[in-house]
N, C-alpha and C. Protein backbone atom coordinates (compact mmCIF):
# COMPACT_ATOMS: atom_id res chain seq x y z
N MET A 1 0.83 -1.17 0.00
CA MET A 1 0.00 0.00 0.00
C MET A 1 0.89 1.24 0.00
N ALA A 2 0.60 2.20 -0.86
CA ALA A 2 1.39 3.42 -0.96
C ALA A 2 1.18 4.29 0.28
N GLN A 3 2.24 4.92 0.71
CA GLN A 3 2.19 5.81 1.87
C GLN A 3 2.06 7.26 1.41
N THR A 4 1.46 8.10 2.24
CA THR A 4 1.36 9.53 1.96
C THR A 4 1.50 10.28 3.27
N ASN A 5 1.70 11.57 3.20
CA ASN A 5 1.85 12.40 4.39
C ASN A 5 0.53 13.08 4.73
N LEU A 6 0.34 13.31 6.01
CA LEU A 6 -0.82 14.03 6.54
C LEU A 6 -0.28 15.14 7.42
N SER A 7 -0.63 16.36 7.11
CA SER A 7 -0.16 17.50 7.90
C SER A 7 -1.32 18.03 8.73
N VAL A 8 -1.09 18.18 10.04
CA VAL A 8 -2.14 18.60 10.97
C VAL A 8 -1.62 19.72 11.85
N ARG A 9 -2.41 20.76 12.03
CA ARG A 9 -2.04 21.82 12.97
C ARG A 9 -2.55 21.44 14.35
N ILE A 10 -1.67 21.56 15.35
CA ILE A 10 -2.02 21.19 16.72
C ILE A 10 -1.24 22.08 17.68
N ASP A 11 -1.81 22.37 18.81
CA ASP A 11 -1.13 23.16 19.84
C ASP A 11 0.18 22.48 20.23
N SER A 12 1.24 23.25 20.36
CA SER A 12 2.56 22.67 20.62
C SER A 12 2.62 21.92 21.95
N ASP A 13 1.95 22.42 22.98
CA ASP A 13 1.94 21.71 24.26
C ASP A 13 1.21 20.37 24.14
N LEU A 14 0.09 20.37 23.41
CA LEU A 14 -0.66 19.13 23.20
C LEU A 14 0.18 18.13 22.42
N LYS A 15 0.92 18.61 21.42
CA LYS A 15 1.80 17.73 20.64
C LYS A 15 2.84 17.08 21.54
N GLU A 16 3.44 17.87 22.41
CA GLU A 16 4.45 17.33 23.32
C GLU A 16 3.85 16.28 24.25
N GLN A 17 2.66 16.57 24.78
CA GLN A 17 2.00 15.63 25.68
C GLN A 17 1.62 14.34 24.93
N PHE A 18 1.12 14.49 23.71
CA PHE A 18 0.74 13.34 22.90
C PHE A 18 1.97 12.50 22.57
N ASN A 19 3.05 13.15 22.20
CA ASN A 19 4.30 12.44 21.89
C ASN A 19 4.80 11.69 23.11
N ALA A 20 4.76 12.34 24.28
CA ALA A 20 5.22 11.68 25.52
C ALA A 20 4.37 10.45 25.82
N PHE A 21 3.04 10.58 25.63
CA PHE A 21 2.15 9.44 25.86
C PHE A 21 2.48 8.30 24.90
N CYS A 22 2.59 8.63 23.62
CA CYS A 22 2.88 7.60 22.62
C CYS A 22 4.20 6.91 22.92
N THR A 23 5.20 7.66 23.28
CA THR A 23 6.51 7.09 23.62
C THR A 23 6.37 6.17 24.83
N GLU A 24 5.59 6.60 25.81
CA GLU A 24 5.41 5.81 27.03
C GLU A 24 4.76 4.45 26.73
N ILE A 25 3.86 4.40 25.76
CA ILE A 25 3.21 3.13 25.44
C ILE A 25 3.90 2.39 24.29
N GLY A 26 5.00 2.96 23.82
CA GLY A 26 5.82 2.27 22.83
C GLY A 26 5.36 2.37 21.40
N MET A 27 4.75 3.48 21.03
CA MET A 27 4.37 3.67 19.63
C MET A 27 4.65 5.10 19.21
N SER A 28 4.73 5.29 17.92
CA SER A 28 4.94 6.64 17.40
C SER A 28 3.60 7.37 17.30
N MET A 29 3.67 8.69 17.18
CA MET A 29 2.46 9.46 16.97
C MET A 29 1.82 9.06 15.64
N SER A 30 2.63 8.79 14.65
CA SER A 30 2.13 8.38 13.35
C SER A 30 1.31 7.08 13.45
N THR A 31 1.81 6.13 14.21
CA THR A 31 1.08 4.87 14.41
C THR A 31 -0.24 5.12 15.12
N ALA A 32 -0.24 5.98 16.15
CA ALA A 32 -1.46 6.29 16.89
C ALA A 32 -2.50 6.93 15.98
N ILE A 33 -2.07 7.86 15.12
CA ILE A 33 -2.99 8.52 14.19
C ILE A 33 -3.52 7.51 13.17
N CYS A 34 -2.67 6.60 12.71
CA CYS A 34 -3.12 5.56 11.77
C CYS A 34 -4.16 4.65 12.42
N ILE A 35 -3.95 4.28 13.68
CA ILE A 35 -4.93 3.46 14.39
C ILE A 35 -6.27 4.19 14.45
N PHE A 36 -6.22 5.48 14.80
CA PHE A 36 -7.45 6.29 14.85
C PHE A 36 -8.13 6.31 13.48
N ALA A 37 -7.38 6.56 12.42
CA ALA A 37 -7.95 6.65 11.07
C ALA A 37 -8.57 5.32 10.65
N LYS A 38 -7.87 4.22 10.89
CA LYS A 38 -8.39 2.90 10.50
C LYS A 38 -9.67 2.56 11.25
N LYS A 39 -9.70 2.84 12.54
CA LYS A 39 -10.89 2.54 13.34
C LYS A 39 -12.06 3.43 12.90
N THR A 40 -11.78 4.69 12.60
CA THR A 40 -12.82 5.61 12.13
C THR A 40 -13.43 5.12 10.82
N VAL A 41 -12.59 4.74 9.89
CA VAL A 41 -13.07 4.27 8.58
C VAL A 41 -13.84 2.96 8.75
N ARG A 42 -13.30 2.06 9.55
CA ARG A 42 -13.95 0.75 9.74
C ARG A 42 -15.34 0.90 10.39
N GLU A 43 -15.45 1.79 11.41
CA GLU A 43 -16.71 1.95 12.13
C GLU A 43 -17.62 3.03 11.53
N LYS A 44 -17.05 3.81 10.59
CA LYS A 44 -17.78 4.91 9.96
C LYS A 44 -18.32 5.90 10.99
N ARG A 45 -17.48 6.18 11.98
CA ARG A 45 -17.80 7.15 13.03
C ARG A 45 -16.53 7.48 13.79
N ILE A 46 -16.56 8.59 14.55
CA ILE A 46 -15.46 8.89 15.46
C ILE A 46 -15.53 7.81 16.56
N PRO A 47 -14.43 7.11 16.84
CA PRO A 47 -14.50 5.96 17.74
C PRO A 47 -14.55 6.29 19.24
N PHE A 48 -15.03 7.45 19.58
CA PHE A 48 -15.24 7.83 20.98
C PHE A 48 -16.24 8.97 21.01
N ASN A 49 -16.81 9.22 22.18
CA ASN A 49 -17.79 10.30 22.31
C ASN A 49 -17.09 11.64 22.22
N VAL A 50 -17.71 12.56 21.49
CA VAL A 50 -17.19 13.90 21.36
C VAL A 50 -18.28 14.86 21.83
N GLY A 51 -17.94 15.73 22.74
CA GLY A 51 -18.92 16.70 23.20
C GLY A 51 -19.07 16.69 24.70
N MET A 52 -19.80 17.68 25.17
CA MET A 52 -19.98 17.83 26.61
C MET A 52 -20.73 16.65 27.21
N GLU A 53 -21.64 16.04 26.44
CA GLU A 53 -22.41 14.94 27.00
C GLU A 53 -21.56 13.72 27.32
N SER A 54 -20.35 13.64 26.77
CA SER A 54 -19.48 12.51 27.09
C SER A 54 -18.75 12.70 28.41
N ASP A 55 -18.78 13.91 28.94
CA ASP A 55 -18.13 14.21 30.21
C ASP A 55 -19.18 14.14 31.32
N PRO A 56 -19.02 13.23 32.31
CA PRO A 56 -20.02 13.10 33.36
C PRO A 56 -20.26 14.39 34.14
N PHE A 57 -19.30 15.30 34.13
CA PHE A 57 -19.49 16.57 34.82
C PHE A 57 -20.70 17.30 34.27
N TYR A 58 -20.94 17.20 32.95
CA TYR A 58 -22.03 17.92 32.30
C TYR A 58 -23.33 17.13 32.24
N SER A 59 -23.41 15.99 32.91
CA SER A 59 -24.63 15.19 32.89
C SER A 59 -25.77 15.96 33.54
N SER A 60 -26.99 15.62 33.18
CA SER A 60 -28.17 16.28 33.75
C SER A 60 -28.19 16.13 35.26
N ALA A 61 -27.87 14.93 35.74
CA ALA A 61 -27.88 14.68 37.19
C ALA A 61 -26.87 15.57 37.91
N ASN A 62 -25.67 15.68 37.35
CA ASN A 62 -24.66 16.51 38.00
C ASN A 62 -25.00 17.99 37.92
N MET A 63 -25.55 18.42 36.79
CA MET A 63 -25.97 19.82 36.66
C MET A 63 -27.04 20.16 37.69
N ALA A 64 -28.00 19.24 37.90
CA ALA A 64 -29.04 19.46 38.90
C ALA A 64 -28.43 19.54 40.30
N ARG A 65 -27.49 18.66 40.56
CA ARG A 65 -26.81 18.67 41.87
C ARG A 65 -26.05 19.98 42.07
N LEU A 66 -25.36 20.45 41.05
CA LEU A 66 -24.62 21.71 41.16
C LEU A 66 -25.55 22.89 41.39
N MET A 67 -26.69 22.91 40.67
CA MET A 67 -27.65 24.00 40.85
C MET A 67 -28.20 23.99 42.28
N LYS A 68 -28.49 22.80 42.81
CA LYS A 68 -28.98 22.68 44.18
C LYS A 68 -27.91 23.18 45.16
N SER A 69 -26.67 22.82 44.91
CA SER A 69 -25.57 23.27 45.78
C SER A 69 -25.41 24.78 45.74
N ILE A 70 -25.54 25.35 44.54
CA ILE A 70 -25.44 26.81 44.40
C ILE A 70 -26.55 27.49 45.19
N GLU A 71 -27.78 26.97 45.06
CA GLU A 71 -28.91 27.53 45.80
C GLU A 71 -28.67 27.45 47.31
N GLN A 72 -28.15 26.31 47.78
CA GLN A 72 -27.87 26.15 49.20
C GLN A 72 -26.79 27.11 49.66
N MET A 73 -25.75 27.29 48.85
CA MET A 73 -24.67 28.20 49.21
C MET A 73 -25.19 29.64 49.29
N GLU A 74 -26.00 30.02 48.31
CA GLU A 74 -26.54 31.38 48.31
C GLU A 74 -27.48 31.60 49.49
N ALA A 75 -28.29 30.61 49.82
CA ALA A 75 -29.25 30.73 50.91
C ALA A 75 -28.56 30.75 52.27
N SER A 76 -27.44 30.04 52.40
CA SER A 76 -26.76 29.94 53.70
C SER A 76 -25.65 30.96 53.86
N GLY A 77 -25.42 31.76 52.86
CA GLY A 77 -24.34 32.75 52.95
C GLY A 77 -22.98 32.16 52.64
N GLY A 78 -22.94 30.99 52.06
CA GLY A 78 -21.66 30.43 51.62
C GLY A 78 -20.99 29.54 52.64
N THR A 79 -21.72 28.97 53.58
CA THR A 79 -21.14 28.06 54.55
C THR A 79 -20.61 26.82 53.85
N VAL A 80 -19.40 26.41 54.21
CA VAL A 80 -18.78 25.25 53.58
C VAL A 80 -19.13 24.00 54.39
N HIS A 81 -19.56 22.95 53.71
CA HIS A 81 -19.87 21.67 54.33
C HIS A 81 -19.09 20.59 53.61
N GLU A 82 -18.93 19.47 54.28
CA GLU A 82 -18.26 18.34 53.64
C GLU A 82 -19.14 17.79 52.53
N VAL A 83 -18.52 17.22 51.50
CA VAL A 83 -19.24 16.65 50.38
C VAL A 83 -19.88 15.34 50.81
N MET A 84 -21.16 15.20 50.49
CA MET A 84 -21.89 13.96 50.76
C MET A 84 -22.28 13.37 49.40
N LEU A 85 -21.74 12.22 49.07
CA LEU A 85 -21.93 11.65 47.74
C LEU A 85 -23.05 10.63 47.65
N ASP A 86 -23.69 10.29 48.76
CA ASP A 86 -24.70 9.24 48.68
C ASP A 86 -26.13 9.77 48.81
N ASP A 87 -26.43 10.83 48.05
CA ASP A 87 -27.82 11.31 48.06
C ASP A 87 -28.49 11.06 46.75
């Protein structure tokens, strides 16, 4: 199969972090990008969730909890309490 080049603009800090990760797991950045491209073509989709909904922080349940916490903080004048995770 013939090879070709792919040029991508990326933040320099992100490139350094990506390169360090790839090196740590024993592959080149080129190999990692090829894996991504092959999986994308094979599945005909981005092979992971993209967007705020993929981050549990932005889930409806967490947003409701945050709004409740904000209301409690505003009503109590900002008193700090320990986090209770089992409600």
